[in-house]
Amino acid sequence: MFAVLLLGPIVSHLISLRQSRRLFLHPRGLGSATFHLDAEVHWDDILSIDVGVGMNNSIVLKVAVRPGAVSYRERWRHPFSRRRGVIDVDPAALGVDGTLLWLALRLYRLEPSTREELRGDRVPIRLLDPRAAVVTTPQHVSAPVLSVFSPEGAIR
């Protein structure tokens, strides 16, 4: 009987591993698509972007949404998921360096003028080049990130 109860969560987890994850960054805000949840929120409605630990001790960025944020839209796909007002972003699943992504998300949230680099179809250089990311990110944005992590290949 116990094995039958575990079957649902195990199957759900295996299916979620095979589903692609996507992150959409645009001047207005960010969006995320996973097996469990599709969500989007405007930059100004993000309360914080913190680091957490995911499965296999990987970095997961926790995008906390302001309570009552009008711009926050979510569509839950999974019946066992709980609603928490947080969008989990898994950099490893996206194939992006977690430190670079954390720096970029903090920058876009805290410095509205930098969101213009999200226009168009090109990936911002700060997500690909550690040196450019560190050099072009102001100290007040980068300090909390770089005090914990250092992107591979960056010179500080």
Protein backbone atom coordinates (compact mmCIF):
# COMPACT_ATOMS: atom_id res chain seq x y z
CA MET A 1 0.00 0.00 0.00
CA PHE A 2 2.83 2.41 0.90
CA ALA A 3 4.52 1.74 -2.47
CA VAL A 4 1.30 2.73 -4.25
CA LEU A 5 1.22 6.05 -2.36
CA LEU A 6 4.79 6.83 -3.45
CA LEU A 7 4.14 6.00 -7.09
CA GLY A 8 2.38 9.31 -7.89
CA PRO A 9 5.13 11.64 -6.64
CA ILE A 10 7.87 9.49 -8.20
CA VAL A 11 6.20 9.46 -11.61
CA SER A 12 5.54 13.20 -11.35
CA HIS A 13 9.19 13.88 -10.54
CA LEU A 14 10.43 11.74 -13.43
CA ILE A 15 8.13 13.52 -15.88
CA SER A 16 9.26 16.94 -14.60
CA LEU A 17 12.90 16.03 -15.24
CA ARG A 18 12.15 15.39 -18.90
CA GLN A 19 10.25 18.64 -19.45
CA SER A 20 12.18 21.61 -20.75
CA ARG A 21 12.42 24.70 -18.60
CA ARG A 22 12.42 28.19 -20.02
CA LEU A 23 13.12 31.65 -18.70
CA PHE A 24 11.93 34.75 -20.52
CA LEU A 25 13.57 38.08 -19.78
CA HIS A 26 12.10 41.27 -21.24
CA PRO A 27 12.16 44.96 -20.30
CA ARG A 28 8.80 44.62 -18.56
CA GLY A 29 9.68 41.62 -16.38
CA LEU A 30 10.45 37.93 -16.36
CA GLY A 31 8.57 34.77 -17.13
CA SER A 32 9.26 31.15 -16.33
CA ALA A 33 7.85 27.93 -17.75
CA THR A 34 8.31 24.59 -16.03
CA PHE A 35 6.42 21.33 -15.69
CA HIS A 36 4.70 22.64 -12.55
CA LEU A 37 4.13 26.30 -13.25
CA ASP A 38 4.06 29.01 -15.89
CA ALA A 39 4.52 32.40 -14.24
CA GLU A 40 5.37 35.97 -15.08
CA VAL A 41 5.88 39.14 -13.09
CA HIS A 42 7.00 42.71 -13.74
CA TRP A 43 10.41 43.74 -12.40
CA ASP A 44 8.87 46.31 -10.05
CA ASP A 45 6.67 43.63 -8.43
CA ILE A 46 9.63 41.44 -7.46
CA LEU A 47 10.30 41.63 -3.74
CA SER A 48 13.67 39.84 -3.78
CA ILE A 49 15.86 37.43 -5.68
CA ASP A 50 17.69 35.09 -3.35
CA VAL A 51 19.71 31.95 -3.74
CA GLY A 52 18.47 28.61 -2.51
CA VAL A 53 19.52 25.01 -2.79
CA GLY A 54 17.72 22.68 -5.15
CA MET A 55 17.98 18.99 -5.80
CA ASN A 56 21.53 17.63 -5.98
CA ASN A 57 22.75 20.75 -4.09
CA SER A 58 22.36 22.89 -7.20
CA ILE A 59 21.73 26.64 -7.10
CA VAL A 60 18.09 27.67 -7.41
CA LEU A 61 17.18 31.32 -7.60
CA LYS A 62 14.08 32.21 -5.60
CA VAL A 63 12.21 35.13 -7.15
CA ALA A 64 9.83 36.34 -4.44
CA VAL A 65 6.80 38.27 -5.65
CA ARG A 66 5.32 41.18 -3.70
CA PRO A 67 2.09 40.14 -1.97
CA GLY A 68 -0.89 41.27 -4.03
CA ALA A 69 1.24 42.08 -7.10
CA VAL A 70 -1.16 42.86 -9.95
CA SER A 71 1.35 41.89 -12.64
CA TYR A 72 1.92 38.39 -11.24
CA ARG A 73 0.28 35.74 -13.37
CA GLU A 74 0.56 32.04 -12.76
CA ARG A 75 -0.80 28.90 -14.31
CA TRP A 76 -0.33 25.76 -12.25
CA ARG A 77 -0.11 22.53 -14.19
CA HIS A 78 0.55 20.11 -11.41
CA PRO A 79 -2.13 19.13 -8.87
CA PHE A 80 0.36 18.54 -6.04
CA SER A 81 2.23 21.84 -6.35
CA ARG A 82 1.74 24.40 -3.66
CA ARG A 83 1.30 28.07 -4.34
CA ARG A 84 3.93 30.14 -2.53
CA GLY A 85 4.38 33.47 -4.33
CA VAL A 86 7.89 32.42 -5.37
CA ILE A 87 9.18 31.57 -8.83
CA ASP A 88 12.01 29.04 -8.73
CA VAL A 89 14.61 29.47 -11.46
CA ASP A 90 17.04 26.58 -11.91
CA PRO A 91 20.11 27.90 -13.80
CA ALA A 92 21.59 24.42 -14.33
CA ALA A 93 18.41 23.25 -16.05
CA LEU A 94 18.60 26.33 -18.28
CA GLY A 95 22.26 25.73 -19.11
CA VAL A 96 23.31 29.10 -17.65
CA ASP A 97 25.90 29.92 -14.98
CA GLY A 98 23.93 30.50 -11.78
CA THR A 99 26.12 33.36 -10.58
CA LEU A 100 25.81 35.23 -13.88
CA LEU A 101 22.04 34.77 -13.90
CA TRP A 102 21.73 35.92 -10.28
CA LEU A 103 23.80 39.02 -11.06
CA ALA A 104 21.70 39.80 -14.13
CA LEU A 105 18.33 39.35 -12.42
CA ARG A 106 19.39 41.55 -9.50
CA LEU A 107 20.66 44.19 -11.93
CA TYR A 108 17.43 44.27 -13.96
CA ARG A 109 15.36 44.47 -10.78
CA LEU A 110 17.42 47.21 -9.09
CA GLU A 111 18.55 49.29 -12.09
CA PRO A 112 15.60 49.92 -14.45
CA SER A 113 17.77 51.62 -17.10
CA THR A 114 19.59 48.32 -17.76
CA ARG A 115 16.40 46.56 -18.84
CA GLU A 116 16.77 48.08 -22.29
CA GLU A 117 19.44 45.47 -23.09
CA LEU A 118 16.63 42.91 -22.98
CA ARG A 119 15.02 44.32 -26.12
CA GLY A 120 15.53 42.28 -29.25
CA ASP A 121 16.45 38.67 -29.84
CA ARG A 122 20.04 38.57 -28.59
CA VAL A 123 21.12 37.11 -25.29
CA PRO A 124 22.66 39.86 -23.12
CA ILE A 125 26.45 39.53 -23.01
CA ARG A 126 26.36 39.57 -19.19
CA LEU A 127 24.78 36.09 -19.26
CA LEU A 128 27.61 34.69 -21.36
CA ASP A 129 30.77 36.57 -20.37
CA PRO A 130 31.78 36.52 -16.68
CA ARG A 131 34.23 39.40 -17.04
CA ALA A 132 31.69 41.65 -18.72
CA ALA A 133 29.09 40.75 -16.10
CA VAL A 134 31.34 41.61 -13.16
CA VAL A 135 32.76 44.81 -14.70
CA THR A 136 29.37 46.23 -15.77
CA THR A 137 27.44 45.44 -12.59
CA PRO A 138 27.47 48.18 -9.92
CA GLN A 139 28.89 47.27 -6.52
CA HIS A 140 25.58 47.69 -4.67
CA VAL A 141 24.02 45.10 -6.98
CA SER A 142 26.91 42.65 -7.18
CA ALA A 143 28.21 42.68 -3.58
CA PRO A 144 25.65 40.23 -2.12
CA VAL A 145 26.22 37.83 -5.01
CA LEU A 146 30.00 38.03 -5.29
CA SER A 147 30.42 37.69 -1.53
CA VAL A 148 28.99 34.17 -1.88
CA PHE A 149 29.90 33.06 -5.43
CA SER A 150 32.30 33.95 -8.18
CA PRO A 151 31.46 33.24 -11.81
CA GLU A 152 33.94 30.97 -13.54
CA GLY A 153 36.43 33.00 -15.57
CA ALA A 154 35.75 36.34 -13.86
CA ILE A 155 38.52 38.60 -12.69
CA ARG A 156 37.54 40.86 -9.79
